[in-house]
Structures are given as C-alpha cells and as structure tokens.
Amino acid sequence: MVVALTVAAGFAGGFVSKAYAQEHKPMMSDADRSGRMDQHVTRMVKHLAVELDATPEQQEKMIAIAKSAAKDLAPIRMKLHEAHQRGIAILGAEKIDRVALEKLRVEQIAMMDSNSKRFAQSLADLAEVLTPAQRQKLAEHMKKMGGHKGMRGGMHRGMHEGGGMGGMGGMGGHGGK
C-alpha cells in the first residue's frame, strides 16, 4: 500500500503540474485557464477510472478530488517561477548573499512541505474512494509505466520544474520554458 501511494504521489505530482503547465497560456484569462485545466484533469481522471474499472460514482468523486488538488496547487507554479528569478538574481549578484540564499532555500522547503501535505491529503481521499482491488490495479498500472522511469514524468519532473532551491539555474531549472 505504501509503495502504491508513493507511486501514485509521483503520478499526482506530474498530473497536476502537467495539467497546469499545458493549460498555462499567457494571453488566456484566469477563467479560461481554469476551465481548460478542469477539462484536462477530467480527461486524465476518466482515463484512469477506466483502467481501474471505477463506477460512475467513484469517477465523479475522483474528478472532484483531482480538480480540488489542481486548483489548490496551480498557484504554486507562479511562486516557483518567482523563486527561480530571485535565485538567479542572488547567484548573479556581484557578491553572493548567503543569508538571502538560505532564506530562499527555507521558503522553498516550506512550500514543498505544504505541497507534499496537499498531495498526501488528495491521495488519502482518492484511496478512500477506491476499493482495495482498485488500489492494487493502480499500483500495477504504475509498475507498467516503468517504476522509477514512470515517476520521472511525475514527481521527478515536478522537482525539476521548480522544486528544490526555487528551481535556480541548473539546480532545478526550467530548461528553456
């Protein structure tokens, strides 16, 4: 169960991050962006629900859980971008401000802790919706995605899109985004 939830956490991290990233268009209004993100989340959950043989009632609950998590976590992308810019400014300064760098690191650790708590809450909510057999199917589905390699699309990518140290430069960079 712990392994399934850990793998699911990686999936959820990438799921929310990717959903927001794909729907983030500079000229879109917040309402349009939110609507597109909801549509993307709904499509992904429906696909997963088919894999898990979820009932229509379970599917509705899963969609609500995923949309709530996506809504709560979407603003974090902007905060990570801001931290990235602050990190670049600190590292590019004439003299390295170690106090500012440490402050940024502490802020990022707190934000990632908050994200982790929100993911754990969502995963527990999801686990309560699924039957034990469905949770086992989820674990098997994640194994088929390639174990650690499958997680690279989720948790690993989420970390490199701004996790740790504010996504500063090569330490977690945005890779030309």
N, C-alpha and C. Protein backbone atom coordinates (compact mmCIF):
# COMPACT_ATOMS: atom_id res chain seq x y z
N MET A 1 0.83 -1.20 0.00
CA MET A 1 0.00 0.00 0.00
C MET A 1 0.87 1.26 0.00
N VAL A 2 1.91 1.25 0.82
CA VAL A 2 2.80 2.41 0.87
C VAL A 2 3.45 2.63 -0.49
N VAL A 3 3.89 1.54 -1.13
CA VAL A 3 4.52 1.67 -2.45
C VAL A 3 3.51 2.22 -3.46
N ALA A 4 2.29 1.73 -3.43
CA ALA A 4 1.26 2.21 -4.36
C ALA A 4 1.00 3.70 -4.15
N LEU A 5 0.92 4.11 -2.90
CA LEU A 5 0.67 5.52 -2.63
C LEU A 5 1.87 6.39 -3.02
N THR A 6 3.07 5.87 -2.83
CA THR A 6 4.26 6.62 -3.22
C THR A 6 4.29 6.81 -4.73
N VAL A 7 4.03 5.75 -5.46
CA VAL A 7 4.00 5.84 -6.92
C VAL A 7 2.86 6.76 -7.35
N ALA A 8 1.72 6.62 -6.70
CA ALA A 8 0.59 7.48 -7.03
C ALA A 8 0.91 8.94 -6.73
N ALA A 9 1.70 9.19 -5.69
CA ALA A 9 2.09 10.57 -5.38
C ALA A 9 2.90 11.16 -6.52
N GLY A 10 3.80 10.36 -7.07
CA GLY A 10 4.57 10.81 -8.22
C GLY A 10 3.68 11.11 -9.40
N PHE A 11 2.72 10.22 -9.63
CA PHE A 11 1.76 10.41 -10.71
C PHE A 11 0.95 11.68 -10.49
N ALA A 12 0.48 11.85 -9.26
CA ALA A 12 -0.34 13.03 -8.94
C ALA A 12 0.46 14.31 -9.11
N GLY A 13 1.73 14.28 -8.69
CA GLY A 13 2.56 15.48 -8.82
C GLY A 13 2.71 15.89 -10.26
N GLY A 14 3.02 14.94 -11.11
CA GLY A 14 3.15 15.24 -12.53
C GLY A 14 1.83 15.60 -13.15
N PHE A 15 0.79 14.93 -12.70
CA PHE A 15 -0.56 15.13 -13.20
C PHE A 15 -0.99 16.59 -13.02
N VAL A 16 -0.85 17.09 -11.81
CA VAL A 16 -1.26 18.47 -11.53
C VAL A 16 -0.32 19.46 -12.21
N SER A 17 0.98 19.20 -12.09
CA SER A 17 1.96 20.10 -12.70
C SER A 17 1.79 20.17 -14.20
N LYS A 18 1.64 19.01 -14.83
CA LYS A 18 1.50 18.97 -16.29
C LYS A 18 0.18 19.59 -16.72
N ALA A 19 -0.89 19.31 -15.98
CA ALA A 19 -2.19 19.89 -16.33
C ALA A 19 -2.13 21.40 -16.31
N TYR A 20 -1.52 21.95 -15.28
CA TYR A 20 -1.42 23.41 -15.20
C TYR A 20 -0.47 23.95 -16.26
N ALA A 21 0.66 23.30 -16.43
CA ALA A 21 1.66 23.79 -17.39
C ALA A 21 1.10 23.79 -18.80
N GLN A 22 0.38 22.75 -19.18
CA GLN A 22 -0.16 22.67 -20.54
C GLN A 22 -1.27 23.68 -20.77
N GLU A 23 -1.97 24.04 -19.73
CA GLU A 23 -3.08 24.97 -19.89
C GLU A 23 -2.67 26.41 -19.64
N HIS A 24 -1.41 26.65 -19.31
CA HIS A 24 -0.95 27.99 -19.00
C HIS A 24 -0.55 28.71 -20.28
N LYS A 25 -1.42 29.55 -20.77
CA LYS A 25 -1.17 30.35 -21.96
C LYS A 25 -1.17 31.81 -21.54
N PRO A 26 -0.14 32.57 -21.94
CA PRO A 26 0.00 33.95 -21.48
C PRO A 26 -1.22 34.83 -21.76
N MET A 27 -1.89 34.65 -22.86
CA MET A 27 -2.99 35.54 -23.22
C MET A 27 -4.35 35.05 -22.72
N MET A 28 -4.38 33.95 -21.99
CA MET A 28 -5.64 33.40 -21.50
C MET A 28 -6.03 34.06 -20.19
N SER A 29 -7.33 34.25 -20.00
CA SER A 29 -7.81 34.76 -18.72
C SER A 29 -7.72 33.65 -17.68
N ASP A 30 -7.77 34.03 -16.42
CA ASP A 30 -7.74 33.02 -15.35
C ASP A 30 -8.90 32.05 -15.48
N ALA A 31 -10.07 32.57 -15.86
CA ALA A 31 -11.25 31.71 -16.01
C ALA A 31 -11.05 30.70 -17.13
N ASP A 32 -10.50 31.17 -18.27
CA ASP A 32 -10.24 30.26 -19.39
C ASP A 32 -9.21 29.21 -19.01
N ARG A 33 -8.14 29.66 -18.34
CA ARG A 33 -7.08 28.74 -17.92
C ARG A 33 -7.64 27.71 -16.94
N SER A 34 -8.46 28.16 -16.00
CA SER A 34 -9.07 27.26 -15.02
C SER A 34 -9.99 26.25 -15.70
N GLY A 35 -10.77 26.73 -16.66
CA GLY A 35 -11.67 25.84 -17.39
C GLY A 35 -10.93 24.78 -18.18
N ARG A 36 -9.86 25.19 -18.84
CA ARG A 36 -9.06 24.24 -19.62
C ARG A 36 -8.37 23.24 -18.70
N MET A 37 -7.90 23.72 -17.56
CA MET A 37 -7.25 22.82 -16.61
C MET A 37 -8.27 21.80 -16.10
N ASP A 38 -9.48 22.27 -15.79
CA ASP A 38 -10.54 21.35 -15.34
C ASP A 38 -10.82 20.29 -16.40
N GLN A 39 -10.87 20.71 -17.66
CA GLN A 39 -11.12 19.76 -18.75
C GLN A 39 -10.00 18.73 -18.84
N HIS A 40 -8.78 19.20 -18.73
CA HIS A 40 -7.63 18.29 -18.81
C HIS A 40 -7.63 17.31 -17.64
N VAL A 41 -7.87 17.81 -16.45
CA VAL A 41 -7.93 16.96 -15.26
C VAL A 41 -9.03 15.92 -15.42
N THR A 42 -10.19 16.36 -15.89
CA THR A 42 -11.32 15.45 -16.08
C THR A 42 -10.96 14.34 -17.06
N ARG A 43 -10.35 14.69 -18.20
CA ARG A 43 -9.96 13.67 -19.19
C ARG A 43 -8.98 12.67 -18.59
N MET A 44 -7.99 13.16 -17.85
CA MET A 44 -7.00 12.25 -17.27
C MET A 44 -7.62 11.33 -16.23
N VAL A 45 -8.50 11.87 -15.40
CA VAL A 45 -9.14 11.04 -14.38
C VAL A 45 -10.06 10.00 -15.03
N LYS A 46 -10.77 10.39 -16.07
CA LYS A 46 -11.64 9.43 -16.76
C LYS A 46 -10.82 8.29 -17.34
N HIS A 47 -9.68 8.62 -17.90
CA HIS A 47 -8.79 7.57 -18.43
C HIS A 47 -8.35 6.63 -17.32
N LEU A 48 -7.93 7.19 -16.21
CA LEU A 48 -7.52 6.38 -15.07
C LEU A 48 -8.69 5.56 -14.52
N ALA A 49 -9.86 6.15 -14.49
CA ALA A 49 -11.05 5.46 -13.98
C ALA A 49 -11.36 4.22 -14.82
N VAL A 50 -11.16 4.31 -16.12
CA VAL A 50 -11.37 3.15 -16.99
C VAL A 50 -10.38 2.06 -16.63
N GLU A 51 -9.11 2.44 -16.45
CA GLU A 51 -8.07 1.48 -16.08
C GLU A 51 -8.40 0.76 -14.77
N LEU A 52 -9.07 1.46 -13.87
CA LEU A 52 -9.35 0.92 -12.53
C LEU A 52 -10.75 0.30 -12.43
N ASP A 53 -11.49 0.30 -13.52
CA ASP A 53 -12.88 -0.18 -13.51
C ASP A 53 -13.70 0.54 -12.45
N ALA A 54 -13.54 1.84 -12.37
CA ALA A 54 -14.26 2.65 -11.38
C ALA A 54 -15.72 2.80 -11.79
N THR A 55 -16.58 2.86 -10.79
CA THR A 55 -18.00 3.09 -11.04
C THR A 55 -18.19 4.57 -11.38
N PRO A 56 -19.33 4.93 -11.97
CA PRO A 56 -19.59 6.35 -12.25
C PRO A 56 -19.52 7.21 -10.98
N GLU A 57 -19.99 6.67 -9.86
CA GLU A 57 -19.93 7.42 -8.61
C GLU A 57 -18.49 7.64 -8.17
N GLN A 58 -17.67 6.60 -8.28
CA GLN A 58 -16.26 6.73 -7.94
C GLN A 58 -15.58 7.74 -8.86
N GLN A 59 -15.91 7.66 -10.14
CA GLN A 59 -15.31 8.57 -11.11
C GLN A 59 -15.64 10.02 -10.76
N GLU A 60 -16.86 10.30 -10.40
CA GLU A 60 -17.26 11.67 -10.01
C GLU A 60 -16.45 12.14 -8.81
N LYS A 61 -16.30 11.26 -7.82
CA LYS A 61 -15.53 11.62 -6.62
C LYS A 61 -14.07 11.84 -6.97
N MET A 62 -13.51 10.99 -7.83
CA MET A 62 -12.11 11.11 -8.24
C MET A 62 -11.88 12.44 -8.97
N ILE A 63 -12.81 12.80 -9.83
CA ILE A 63 -12.70 14.06 -10.57
C ILE A 63 -12.73 15.23 -9.61
N ALA A 64 -13.64 15.19 -8.65
CA ALA A 64 -13.74 16.28 -7.67
C ALA A 64 -12.44 16.41 -6.86
N ILE A 65 -11.88 15.28 -6.45
CA ILE A 65 -10.63 15.29 -5.68
C ILE A 65 -9.50 15.88 -6.52
N ALA A 66 -9.39 15.42 -7.77
CA ALA A 66 -8.30 15.89 -8.64
C ALA A 66 -8.45 17.37 -8.98
N LYS A 67 -9.66 17.81 -9.24
CA LYS A 67 -9.88 19.24 -9.55
C LYS A 67 -9.55 20.11 -8.35
N SER A 68 -9.94 19.66 -7.18
CA SER A 68 -9.64 20.42 -5.97
C SER A 68 -8.13 20.53 -5.75
N ALA A 69 -7.43 19.42 -5.93
CA ALA A 69 -5.98 19.44 -5.78
C ALA A 69 -5.34 20.34 -6.82
N ALA A 70 -5.79 20.22 -8.07
CA ALA A 70 -5.22 21.06 -9.14
C ALA A 70 -5.45 22.53 -8.85
N LYS A 71 -6.64 22.86 -8.38
CA LYS A 71 -6.95 24.26 -8.06
C LYS A 71 -6.06 24.77 -6.92
N ASP A 72 -5.87 23.95 -5.90
CA ASP A 72 -5.04 24.35 -4.76
C ASP A 72 -3.57 24.47 -5.13
N LEU A 73 -3.10 23.63 -6.04
CA LEU A 73 -1.68 23.58 -6.36
C LEU A 73 -1.27 24.44 -7.54
N ALA A 74 -2.20 24.86 -8.37
CA ALA A 74 -1.87 25.65 -9.56
C ALA A 74 -1.13 26.95 -9.24
N PRO A 75 -1.50 27.71 -8.23
CA PRO A 75 -0.78 28.97 -7.96
C PRO A 75 0.68 28.76 -7.59
N ILE A 76 1.04 27.58 -7.22
CA ILE A 76 2.40 27.30 -6.80
C ILE A 76 3.38 27.47 -7.95
N ARG A 77 2.93 27.21 -9.15
CA ARG A 77 3.81 27.37 -10.32
C ARG A 77 4.33 28.80 -10.41
N MET A 78 3.46 29.78 -10.19
CA MET A 78 3.89 31.18 -10.24
C MET A 78 4.88 31.46 -9.11
N LYS A 79 4.63 30.92 -7.94
CA LYS A 79 5.55 31.12 -6.82
C LYS A 79 6.92 30.51 -7.13
N LEU A 80 6.92 29.36 -7.78
CA LEU A 80 8.18 28.72 -8.13
C LEU A 80 8.93 29.55 -9.18
N HIS A 81 8.20 30.12 -10.11
CA HIS A 81 8.82 30.99 -11.12
C HIS A 81 9.45 32.21 -10.45
N GLU A 82 8.73 32.80 -9.52
CA GLU A 82 9.26 33.96 -8.79
C GLU A 82 10.52 33.58 -8.00
N ALA A 83 10.50 32.41 -7.37
CA ALA A 83 11.67 31.95 -6.62
C ALA A 83 12.84 31.71 -7.57
N HIS A 84 12.55 31.18 -8.73
CA HIS A 84 13.58 30.96 -9.75
C HIS A 84 14.26 32.28 -10.11
N GLN A 85 13.45 33.31 -10.32
CA GLN A 85 14.00 34.63 -10.67
C GLN A 85 14.83 35.20 -9.52
N ARG A 86 14.33 35.04 -8.29
CA ARG A 86 15.09 35.52 -7.12
C ARG A 86 16.42 34.78 -7.00
N GLY A 87 16.38 33.47 -7.25
CA GLY A 87 17.60 32.67 -7.19
C GLY A 87 18.62 33.12 -8.22
N ILE A 88 18.17 33.40 -9.42
CA ILE A 88 19.06 33.89 -10.47
C ILE A 88 19.68 35.21 -10.05
N ALA A 89 18.87 36.10 -9.49
CA ALA A 89 19.37 37.41 -9.06
C ALA A 89 20.42 37.25 -7.96
N ILE A 90 20.17 36.36 -7.01
CA ILE A 90 21.13 36.14 -5.92
C ILE A 90 22.44 35.60 -6.48
N LEU A 91 22.34 34.60 -7.34
CA LEU A 91 23.56 33.98 -7.87
C LEU A 91 24.31 34.89 -8.85
N GLY A 92 23.60 35.81 -9.49
CA GLY A 92 24.23 36.69 -10.46
C GLY A 92 24.75 37.99 -9.87
N ALA A 93 24.56 38.18 -8.58
CA ALA A 93 24.99 39.42 -7.94
C ALA A 93 26.50 39.49 -7.84
N GLU A 94 27.00 40.70 -7.69
CA GLU A 94 28.44 40.93 -7.53
C GLU A 94 28.99 40.10 -6.37
N LYS A 95 28.25 40.12 -5.27
CA LYS A 95 28.65 39.37 -4.08
C LYS A 95 27.50 38.43 -3.70
N ILE A 96 27.80 37.19 -3.44
CA ILE A 96 26.77 36.21 -3.08
C ILE A 96 26.24 36.53 -1.69
N ASP A 97 24.93 36.69 -1.60
CA ASP A 97 24.25 36.96 -0.33
C ASP A 97 23.81 35.61 0.25
N ARG A 98 24.64 35.05 1.08
CA ARG A 98 24.36 33.74 1.65
C ARG A 98 23.10 33.74 2.51
N VAL A 99 22.83 34.84 3.18
CA VAL A 99 21.63 34.93 4.00
C VAL A 99 20.38 34.87 3.12
N ALA A 100 20.39 35.62 2.02
CA ALA A 100 19.25 35.61 1.10
C ALA A 100 19.08 34.24 0.46
N LEU A 101 20.19 33.60 0.11
CA LEU A 101 20.13 32.27 -0.49
C LEU A 101 19.54 31.27 0.50
N GLU A 102 19.96 31.36 1.75
CA GLU A 102 19.42 30.46 2.77
C GLU A 102 17.94 30.73 3.01
N LYS A 103 17.56 32.00 3.01
CA LYS A 103 16.14 32.35 3.19
C LYS A 103 15.31 31.76 2.05
N LEU A 104 15.81 31.87 0.83
CA LEU A 104 15.10 31.29 -0.32
C LEU A 104 14.98 29.78 -0.17
N ARG A 105 16.06 29.14 0.24
CA ARG A 105 16.03 27.68 0.43
C ARG A 105 14.98 27.28 1.47
N VAL A 106 14.94 28.00 2.59
CA VAL A 106 13.98 27.70 3.65
C VAL A 106 12.54 27.89 3.15
N GLU A 107 12.31 28.96 2.40
CA GLU A 107 10.98 29.21 1.84
C GLU A 107 10.56 28.07 0.91
N GLN A 108 11.50 27.61 0.09
CA GLN A 108 11.19 26.54 -0.86
C GLN A 108 10.91 25.22 -0.15
N ILE A 109 11.66 24.94 0.89
CA ILE A 109 11.41 23.72 1.67
C ILE A 109 10.01 23.78 2.28
N ALA A 110 9.64 24.94 2.81
CA ALA A 110 8.30 25.09 3.41
C ALA A 110 7.22 24.92 2.35
N MET A 111 7.44 25.48 1.15
CA MET A 111 6.44 25.35 0.09
C MET A 111 6.32 23.89 -0.36
N MET A 112 7.45 23.21 -0.51
CA MET A 112 7.40 21.82 -0.92
C MET A 112 6.76 20.95 0.16
N ASP A 113 6.97 21.29 1.43
CA ASP A 113 6.31 20.57 2.51
C ASP A 113 4.80 20.76 2.42
N SER A 114 4.39 21.98 2.15
CA SER A 114 2.96 22.28 2.00
C SER A 114 2.37 21.50 0.82
N ASN A 115 3.11 21.47 -0.30
CA ASN A 115 2.66 20.70 -1.48
C ASN A 115 2.52 19.23 -1.13
N SER A 116 3.53 18.71 -0.45
CA SER A 116 3.53 17.31 -0.09
C SER A 116 2.32 16.96 0.78
N LYS A 117 2.02 17.83 1.73
CA LYS A 117 0.84 17.61 2.58
C LYS A 117 -0.44 17.60 1.76
N ARG A 118 -0.53 18.53 0.80
CA ARG A 118 -1.74 18.58 -0.04
C ARG A 118 -1.85 17.34 -0.90
N PHE A 119 -0.72 16.86 -1.46
CA PHE A 119 -0.74 15.63 -2.24
C PHE A 119 -1.15 14.45 -1.38
N ALA A 120 -0.60 14.37 -0.18
CA ALA A 120 -0.94 13.26 0.71
C ALA A 120 -2.43 13.27 1.04
N GLN A 121 -2.97 14.46 1.27
CA GLN A 121 -4.40 14.58 1.54
C GLN A 121 -5.21 14.06 0.34
N SER A 122 -4.82 14.47 -0.86
CA SER A 122 -5.53 14.04 -2.07
C SER A 122 -5.42 12.53 -2.26
N LEU A 123 -4.23 11.99 -2.01
CA LEU A 123 -4.05 10.55 -2.17
C LEU A 123 -4.88 9.77 -1.16
N ALA A 124 -4.94 10.25 0.06
CA ALA A 124 -5.77 9.58 1.06
C ALA A 124 -7.24 9.65 0.66
N ASP A 125 -7.66 10.82 0.17
CA ASP A 125 -9.04 10.97 -0.29
C ASP A 125 -9.33 10.00 -1.44
N LEU A 126 -8.39 9.92 -2.39
CA LEU A 126 -8.54 9.01 -3.52
C LEU A 126 -8.58 7.56 -3.05
N ALA A 127 -7.69 7.21 -2.14
CA ALA A 127 -7.63 5.83 -1.63
C ALA A 127 -8.95 5.43 -0.97
N GLU A 128 -9.59 6.38 -0.31
CA GLU A 128 -10.87 6.08 0.33
C GLU A 128 -11.98 5.85 -0.68
N VAL A 129 -11.84 6.40 -1.87
CA VAL A 129 -12.85 6.23 -2.92
C VAL A 129 -12.69 4.85 -3.58
N LEU A 130 -11.45 4.38 -3.69
CA LEU A 130 -11.17 3.12 -4.37
C LEU A 130 -11.29 1.93 -3.43
N THR A 131 -11.59 0.80 -4.02
CA THR A 131 -11.60 -0.45 -3.27
C THR A 131 -10.16 -0.95 -3.16
N PRO A 132 -9.91 -1.88 -2.25
CA PRO A 132 -8.55 -2.45 -2.18
C PRO A 132 -8.10 -3.04 -3.53
N ALA A 133 -9.01 -3.71 -4.23
CA ALA A 133 -8.66 -4.29 -5.53
C ALA A 133 -8.30 -3.19 -6.54
N GLN A 134 -9.01 -2.08 -6.50
CA GLN A 134 -8.71 -0.98 -7.41
C GLN A 134 -7.37 -0.32 -7.06
N ARG A 135 -7.08 -0.22 -5.78
CA ARG A 135 -5.78 0.33 -5.37
C ARG A 135 -4.66 -0.58 -5.87
N GLN A 136 -4.89 -1.89 -5.84
CA GLN A 136 -3.89 -2.83 -6.36
C GLN A 136 -3.74 -2.64 -7.87
N LYS A 137 -4.85 -2.44 -8.58
CA LYS A 137 -4.77 -2.17 -10.03
C LYS A 137 -3.99 -0.90 -10.30
N LEU A 138 -4.19 0.10 -9.48
CA LEU A 138 -3.45 1.36 -9.63
C LEU A 138 -1.96 1.10 -9.47
N ALA A 139 -1.59 0.32 -8.47
CA ALA A 139 -0.18 0.00 -8.25
C ALA A 139 0.39 -0.76 -9.45
N GLU A 140 -0.35 -1.71 -9.97
CA GLU A 140 0.10 -2.47 -11.13
C GLU A 140 0.22 -1.58 -12.36
N HIS A 141 -0.73 -0.69 -12.54
CA HIS A 141 -0.70 0.26 -13.66
C HIS A 141 0.56 1.11 -13.57
N MET A 142 0.90 1.56 -12.37
CA MET A 142 2.09 2.37 -12.20
C MET A 142 3.36 1.58 -12.46
N LYS A 143 3.38 0.31 -12.08
CA LYS A 143 4.53 -0.53 -12.37
C LYS A 143 4.73 -0.64 -13.88
N LYS A 144 3.64 -0.81 -14.62
CA LYS A 144 3.72 -0.94 -16.08
C LYS A 144 4.26 0.34 -16.72
N MET A 145 4.06 1.47 -16.04
CA MET A 145 4.55 2.74 -16.58
C MET A 145 6.05 2.85 -16.41
N GLY A 146 6.65 1.90 -15.75
CA GLY A 146 8.10 1.87 -15.70
C GLY A 146 8.74 2.15 -14.35
N GLY A 147 8.00 1.98 -13.26
CA GLY A 147 8.60 2.19 -11.95
C GLY A 147 9.18 3.58 -11.84
N HIS A 148 10.46 3.67 -11.53
CA HIS A 148 11.11 4.98 -11.36
C HIS A 148 11.06 5.78 -12.66
N LYS A 149 11.24 5.11 -13.80
CA LYS A 149 11.19 5.83 -15.07
C LYS A 149 9.81 6.44 -15.26
N GLY A 150 8.75 5.73 -14.84
CA GLY A 150 7.40 6.26 -14.95
C GLY A 150 7.20 7.47 -14.05
N MET A 151 7.88 7.44 -12.91
CA MET A 151 7.77 8.57 -11.98
C MET A 151 8.48 9.81 -12.53
N ARG A 152 9.42 9.63 -13.44
CA ARG A 152 10.13 10.78 -13.99
C ARG A 152 9.15 11.75 -14.62
N GLY A 153 8.05 11.25 -15.14
CA GLY A 153 7.06 12.13 -15.72
C GLY A 153 6.23 12.82 -14.66
N GLY A 154 6.34 12.39 -13.43
CA GLY A 154 5.53 12.95 -12.36
C GLY A 154 6.38 13.69 -11.36
N MET A 155 6.70 13.02 -10.30
CA MET A 155 7.40 13.67 -9.20
C MET A 155 8.75 14.24 -9.66
N HIS A 156 9.50 13.46 -10.42
CA HIS A 156 10.83 13.90 -10.85
C HIS A 156 10.71 15.17 -11.68
N ARG A 157 9.80 15.20 -12.65
CA ARG A 157 9.65 16.38 -13.48
C ARG A 157 9.19 17.54 -12.63
N GLY A 158 8.27 17.29 -11.70
CA GLY A 158 7.79 18.36 -10.83
C GLY A 158 8.92 18.99 -10.05
N MET A 159 9.86 18.17 -9.60
CA MET A 159 11.00 18.71 -8.87
C MET A 159 11.88 19.55 -9.78
N HIS A 160 12.08 19.12 -11.02
CA HIS A 160 12.94 19.87 -11.93
C HIS A 160 12.23 21.05 -12.56
N GLU A 161 10.94 21.15 -12.42
CA GLU A 161 10.24 22.31 -12.94
C GLU A 161 10.12 23.38 -11.88
N GLY A 162 10.87 23.26 -10.84
CA GLY A 162 10.86 24.34 -9.88
C GLY A 162 11.02 23.89 -8.46
N GLY A 163 11.16 22.61 -8.23
CA GLY A 163 11.33 22.16 -6.87
C GLY A 163 12.72 22.51 -6.38
N GLY A 164 13.02 22.16 -5.20
CA GLY A 164 14.31 22.39 -4.59
C GLY A 164 15.00 23.68 -4.99
N MET A 165 15.39 24.49 -4.06
CA MET A 165 16.15 25.71 -4.26
C MET A 165 15.49 26.66 -5.26
N GLY A 166 14.17 26.60 -5.37
CA GLY A 166 13.46 27.56 -6.20
C GLY A 166 13.69 27.36 -7.68
N GLY A 167 14.17 26.19 -8.09
CA GLY A 167 14.42 25.95 -9.50
C GLY A 167 15.51 26.84 -10.05
N MET A 168 16.50 27.16 -9.23
CA MET A 168 17.53 28.10 -9.65
C MET A 168 18.45 27.49 -10.68
N GLY A 169 18.64 28.21 -11.75
CA GLY A 169 19.61 27.85 -12.78
C GLY A 169 19.61 26.36 -13.07
N GLY A 170 20.80 25.77 -13.09
CA GLY A 170 20.95 24.35 -13.38
C GLY A 170 20.55 23.47 -12.22
N MET A 171 20.23 24.08 -11.07
CA MET A 171 19.88 23.28 -9.88
C MET A 171 18.46 22.77 -9.93
N GLY A 172 17.68 23.16 -10.88
CA GLY A 172 16.31 22.66 -10.96
C GLY A 172 15.64 23.30 -12.12
N GLY A 173 16.37 23.92 -12.94
CA GLY A 173 15.94 24.84 -14.00
C GLY A 173 14.71 24.49 -14.77
N HIS A 174 14.27 25.48 -15.49
CA HIS A 174 13.08 25.36 -16.32
C HIS A 174 13.42 24.96 -17.74
N GLY A 175 14.67 24.75 -18.04
CA GLY A 175 15.07 24.20 -19.33
C GLY A 175 14.50 24.93 -20.53
N GLY A 176 14.54 26.23 -20.54
CA GLY A 176 14.10 26.97 -21.71
C GLY A 176 12.62 27.19 -21.78
N LYS A 177 11.92 27.00 -20.68
CA LYS A 177 10.47 27.22 -20.70
C LYS A 177 10.17 28.69 -20.57
